[in-house]
Amino acid sequence: MRIGELAEQAGTTTRTLRYYESRGLLPARRAENGYRSYDEDDLRLLQQIRTLQDFGFDLEETRPFVDCLRAGHPAGDSCPASLAVYRRKLGELDALIGRLTTVRAEVGAQLARAELEASAALPGGPEPRCELGGHP
């Protein structure tokens, strides 16, 4: 299949495919007429790359999965290098979740403090105003 057909089937653009080719993630085969030529295996490579990117993996992190598929494994995540990337990514996600949990707790504490201060305002006095929006 030609580059436009592959792009359409993979849900991406020809520009993206050329970029992947330049990075060595997609093979650069040419037909006799000079057009790029792709097959179903290339579509599988692209699906693997796109799935991993949807999960937050950067393009270089997809390389071991692509290499695993190219080596003939039925799944791109069945090789030791792919498993190592999964482990590293889980560590990064755990650290991010920890930071987000801390930030959430701090924001919750700030909200509780602000609500307490707002409820302590004297009855009949001026309503507190939001300085940013100018609304009560």
C-alpha atoms as a PDB file:
ATOM      1  CA  MET A   1       0.000   0.000   0.000  1.00  0.00           C
ATOM      2  CA  ARG A   2       1.116   3.567  -0.552  1.00  0.00           C
ATOM      3  CA  ILE A   3       1.766   6.162   2.129  1.00  0.00           C
ATOM      4  CA  GLY A   4      -1.646   7.830   1.841  1.00  0.00           C
ATOM      5  CA  GLU A   5      -3.448   4.516   2.268  1.00  0.00           C
ATOM      6  CA  LEU A   6      -1.347   3.622   5.291  1.00  0.00           C
ATOM      7  CA  ALA A   7      -1.927   7.032   6.853  1.00  0.00           C
ATOM      8  CA  GLU A   8      -5.673   6.689   6.372  1.00  0.00           C
ATOM      9  CA  GLN A   9      -5.807   3.169   7.821  1.00  0.00           C
ATOM     10  CA  ALA A  10      -3.643   4.188  10.781  1.00  0.00           C
ATOM     11  CA  GLY A  11      -5.589   7.384  11.441  1.00  0.00           C
ATOM     12  CA  THR A  12      -2.584   9.652  11.025  1.00  0.00           C
ATOM     13  CA  THR A  13      -0.976  11.877   8.399  1.00  0.00           C
ATOM     14  CA  THR A  14       1.572  11.228   5.698  1.00  0.00           C
ATOM     15  CA  ARG A  15       3.780  13.852   7.340  1.00  0.00           C
ATOM     16  CA  THR A  16       3.776  11.833  10.549  1.00  0.00           C
ATOM     17  CA  LEU A  17       4.672   8.679   8.650  1.00  0.00           C
ATOM     18  CA  ARG A  18       7.596  10.421   6.965  1.00  0.00           C
ATOM     19  CA  TYR A  19       8.755  11.625  10.372  1.00  0.00           C
ATOM     20  CA  TYR A  20       8.583   8.091  11.790  1.00  0.00           C
ATOM     21  CA  GLU A  21      10.541   6.926   8.776  1.00  0.00           C
ATOM     22  CA  SER A  22      13.215   9.574   9.392  1.00  0.00           C
ATOM     23  CA  ARG A  23      13.485   8.381  13.005  1.00  0.00           C
ATOM     24  CA  GLY A  24      13.932   4.770  11.902  1.00  0.00           C
ATOM     25  CA  LEU A  25      10.639   3.552  13.360  1.00  0.00           C
ATOM     26  CA  LEU A  26       8.999   2.863  10.026  1.00  0.00           C
ATOM     27  CA  PRO A  27      10.839   1.127   7.176  1.00  0.00           C
ATOM     28  CA  ALA A  28      11.744   3.180   4.134  1.00  0.00           C
ATOM     29  CA  ARG A  29      10.938   0.714   1.360  1.00  0.00           C
ATOM     30  CA  ARG A  30      10.329   1.957  -2.161  1.00  0.00           C
ATOM     31  CA  ALA A  31       8.410   0.301  -4.979  1.00  0.00           C
ATOM     32  CA  GLU A  32       9.866   0.159  -8.488  1.00  0.00           C
ATOM     33  CA  ASN A  33       8.045   3.374  -9.357  1.00  0.00           C
ATOM     34  CA  GLY A  34       9.767   5.197  -6.465  1.00  0.00           C
ATOM     35  CA  TYR A  35       6.710   5.442  -4.213  1.00  0.00           C
ATOM     36  CA  ARG A  36       6.940   4.396  -0.601  1.00  0.00           C
ATOM     37  CA  SER A  37       5.550   0.917  -0.115  1.00  0.00           C
ATOM     38  CA  TYR A  38       4.004  -0.472   3.072  1.00  0.00           C
ATOM     39  CA  ASP A  39       2.277  -3.652   4.197  1.00  0.00           C
ATOM     40  CA  GLU A  40       0.131  -4.966   7.064  1.00  0.00           C
ATOM     41  CA  ASP A  41       3.201  -5.379   9.299  1.00  0.00           C
ATOM     42  CA  ASP A  42       3.853  -1.666   8.959  1.00  0.00           C
ATOM     43  CA  LEU A  43       0.274  -0.967   9.974  1.00  0.00           C
ATOM     44  CA  ARG A  44       0.833  -3.103  13.097  1.00  0.00           C
ATOM     45  CA  LEU A  45       3.946  -1.070  13.904  1.00  0.00           C
ATOM     46  CA  LEU A  46       1.967   2.158  13.599  1.00  0.00           C
ATOM     47  CA  GLN A  47      -0.858   0.825  15.753  1.00  0.00           C
ATOM     48  CA  GLN A  48       1.685  -0.108  18.434  1.00  0.00           C
ATOM     49  CA  ILE A  49       3.291   3.332  18.294  1.00  0.00           C
ATOM     50  CA  ARG A  50      -0.049   5.149  18.437  1.00  0.00           C
ATOM     51  CA  THR A  51      -1.354   3.039  21.320  1.00  0.00           C
ATOM     52  CA  LEU A  52       1.771   3.710  23.346  1.00  0.00           C
ATOM     53  CA  GLN A  53       1.640   7.423  22.568  1.00  0.00           C
ATOM     54  CA  ASP A  54      -2.003   7.483  23.662  1.00  0.00           C
ATOM     55  CA  PHE A  55      -0.752   6.047  26.977  1.00  0.00           C
ATOM     56  CA  GLY A  56       1.743   8.903  27.325  1.00  0.00           C
ATOM     57  CA  PHE A  57       4.880   7.240  25.977  1.00  0.00           C
ATOM     58  CA  ASP A  58       7.144   9.525  23.977  1.00  0.00           C
ATOM     59  CA  LEU A  59       8.196   8.464  20.518  1.00  0.00           C
ATOM     60  CA  GLU A  60      11.619   7.191  21.536  1.00  0.00           C
ATOM     61  CA  GLU A  61      10.051   5.017  24.242  1.00  0.00           C
ATOM     62  CA  THR A  62       8.146   3.154  21.517  1.00  0.00           C
ATOM     63  CA  ARG A  63      11.342   1.977  19.810  1.00  0.00           C
ATOM     64  CA  PRO A  64      11.806  -1.254  21.840  1.00  0.00           C
ATOM     65  CA  PHE A  65       8.221  -2.260  21.059  1.00  0.00           C
ATOM     66  CA  VAL A  66       8.730  -1.607  17.345  1.00  0.00           C
ATOM     67  CA  ASP A  67      12.021  -3.520  17.396  1.00  0.00           C
ATOM     68  CA  CYS A  68      10.282  -6.425  19.136  1.00  0.00           C
ATOM     69  CA  LEU A  69       7.593  -6.582  16.435  1.00  0.00           C
ATOM     70  CA  ARG A  70      10.217  -6.330  13.709  1.00  0.00           C
ATOM     71  CA  ALA A  71      12.076  -9.256  15.292  1.00  0.00           C
ATOM     72  CA  GLY A  72       9.010 -11.380  14.592  1.00  0.00           C
ATOM     73  CA  HIS A  73       7.366 -11.451  18.007  1.00  0.00           C
ATOM     74  CA  PRO A  74       3.566 -11.512  17.871  1.00  0.00           C
ATOM     75  CA  ALA A  75       3.327  -8.640  20.375  1.00  0.00           C
ATOM     76  CA  GLY A  76       5.599  -5.656  20.732  1.00  0.00           C
ATOM     77  CA  ASP A  77       5.702  -5.939  24.484  1.00  0.00           C
ATOM     78  CA  SER A  78       7.016  -9.491  24.776  1.00  0.00           C
ATOM     79  CA  CYS A  79      10.727  -8.578  24.666  1.00  0.00           C
ATOM     80  CA  PRO A  80      12.917  -7.681  27.675  1.00  0.00           C
ATOM     81  CA  ALA A  81      13.566  -4.119  26.439  1.00  0.00           C
ATOM     82  CA  SER A  82       9.824  -3.472  26.102  1.00  0.00           C
ATOM     83  CA  LEU A  83       9.186  -4.796  29.590  1.00  0.00           C
ATOM     84  CA  ALA A  84      11.889  -2.481  30.938  1.00  0.00           C
ATOM     85  CA  VAL A  85      10.147   0.507  29.314  1.00  0.00           C
ATOM     86  CA  TYR A  86       6.834  -0.560  30.899  1.00  0.00           C
ATOM     87  CA  ARG A  87       8.496  -0.780  34.329  1.00  0.00           C
ATOM     88  CA  ARG A  88      10.140   2.632  33.955  1.00  0.00           C
ATOM     89  CA  LYS A  89       6.872   4.208  32.775  1.00  0.00           C
ATOM     90  CA  LEU A  90       4.969   2.729  35.734  1.00  0.00           C
ATOM     91  CA  GLY A  91       7.553   4.280  38.059  1.00  0.00           C
ATOM     92  CA  GLU A  92       7.076   7.659  36.383  1.00  0.00           C
ATOM     93  CA  LEU A  93       3.291   7.343  36.652  1.00  0.00           C
ATOM     94  CA  ASP A  94       3.489   6.377  40.327  1.00  0.00           C
ATOM     95  CA  ALA A  95       5.658   9.437  41.022  1.00  0.00           C
ATOM     96  CA  LEU A  96       3.227  11.671  39.117  1.00  0.00           C
ATOM     97  CA  ILE A  97       0.262  10.242  41.011  1.00  0.00           C
ATOM     98  CA  GLY A  98       2.103  10.932  44.277  1.00  0.00           C
ATOM     99  CA  ARG A  99       2.747  14.558  43.291  1.00  0.00           C
ATOM    100  CA  LEU A 100      -0.857  15.025  42.151  1.00  0.00           C
ATOM    101  CA  THR A 101      -2.151  13.517  45.390  1.00  0.00           C
ATOM    102  CA  THR A 102      -0.050  16.002  47.373  1.00  0.00           C
ATOM    103  CA  VAL A 103      -1.233  18.950  45.280  1.00  0.00           C
ATOM    104  CA  ARG A 104      -4.847  17.810  45.599  1.00  0.00           C
ATOM    105  CA  ALA A 105      -4.532  17.668  49.382  1.00  0.00           C
ATOM    106  CA  GLU A 106      -3.023  21.174  49.445  1.00  0.00           C
ATOM    107  CA  VAL A 107      -5.768  22.587  47.219  1.00  0.00           C
ATOM    108  CA  GLY A 108      -8.400  20.890  49.386  1.00  0.00           C
ATOM    109  CA  ALA A 109      -6.866  22.431  52.506  1.00  0.00           C
ATOM    110  CA  GLN A 110      -6.825  25.876  50.868  1.00  0.00           C
ATOM    111  CA  LEU A 111     -10.477  25.475  49.884  1.00  0.00           C
ATOM    112  CA  ALA A 112     -11.460  24.452  53.409  1.00  0.00           C
ATOM    113  CA  ARG A 113      -9.597  27.457  54.861  1.00  0.00           C
ATOM    114  CA  ALA A 114     -11.162  29.840  52.339  1.00  0.00           C
ATOM    115  CA  GLU A 115     -14.676  28.490  52.974  1.00  0.00           C
ATOM    116  CA  LEU A 116     -14.182  28.855  56.731  1.00  0.00           C
ATOM    117  CA  GLU A 117     -13.056  32.451  56.329  1.00  0.00           C
ATOM    118  CA  ALA A 118     -15.945  33.213  53.994  1.00  0.00           C
ATOM    119  CA  SER A 119     -18.501  31.749  56.388  1.00  0.00           C
ATOM    120  CA  ALA A 120     -17.045  33.768  59.273  1.00  0.00           C
ATOM    121  CA  ALA A 121     -17.806  37.071  57.537  1.00  0.00           C
ATOM    122  CA  LEU A 122     -20.090  39.313  59.576  1.00  0.00           C
ATOM    123  CA  PRO A 123     -23.796  39.148  58.663  1.00  0.00           C
ATOM    124  CA  GLY A 124     -25.001  42.243  56.894  1.00  0.00           C
ATOM    125  CA  GLY A 125     -21.479  43.311  55.989  1.00  0.00           C
ATOM    126  CA  PRO A 126     -20.213  43.584  52.475  1.00  0.00           C
ATOM    127  CA  GLU A 127     -19.959  40.318  50.620  1.00  0.00           C
ATOM    128  CA  PRO A 128     -16.432  39.206  49.822  1.00  0.00           C
ATOM    129  CA  ARG A 129     -15.526  39.937  46.239  1.00  0.00           C
ATOM    130  CA  CYS A 130     -13.346  37.938  43.929  1.00  0.00           C
ATOM    131  CA  GLU A 131     -10.511  40.246  42.935  1.00  0.00           C
ATOM    132  CA  LEU A 132      -9.976  38.499  39.608  1.00  0.00           C
ATOM    133  CA  GLY A 133     -13.483  38.529  38.236  1.00  0.00           C
ATOM    134  CA  GLY A 134     -15.049  41.343  40.209  1.00  0.00           C
ATOM    135  CA  HIS A 135     -17.988  39.134  41.186  1.00  0.00           C
ATOM    136  CA  PRO A 136     -19.234  38.351  44.684  1.00  0.00           C
END
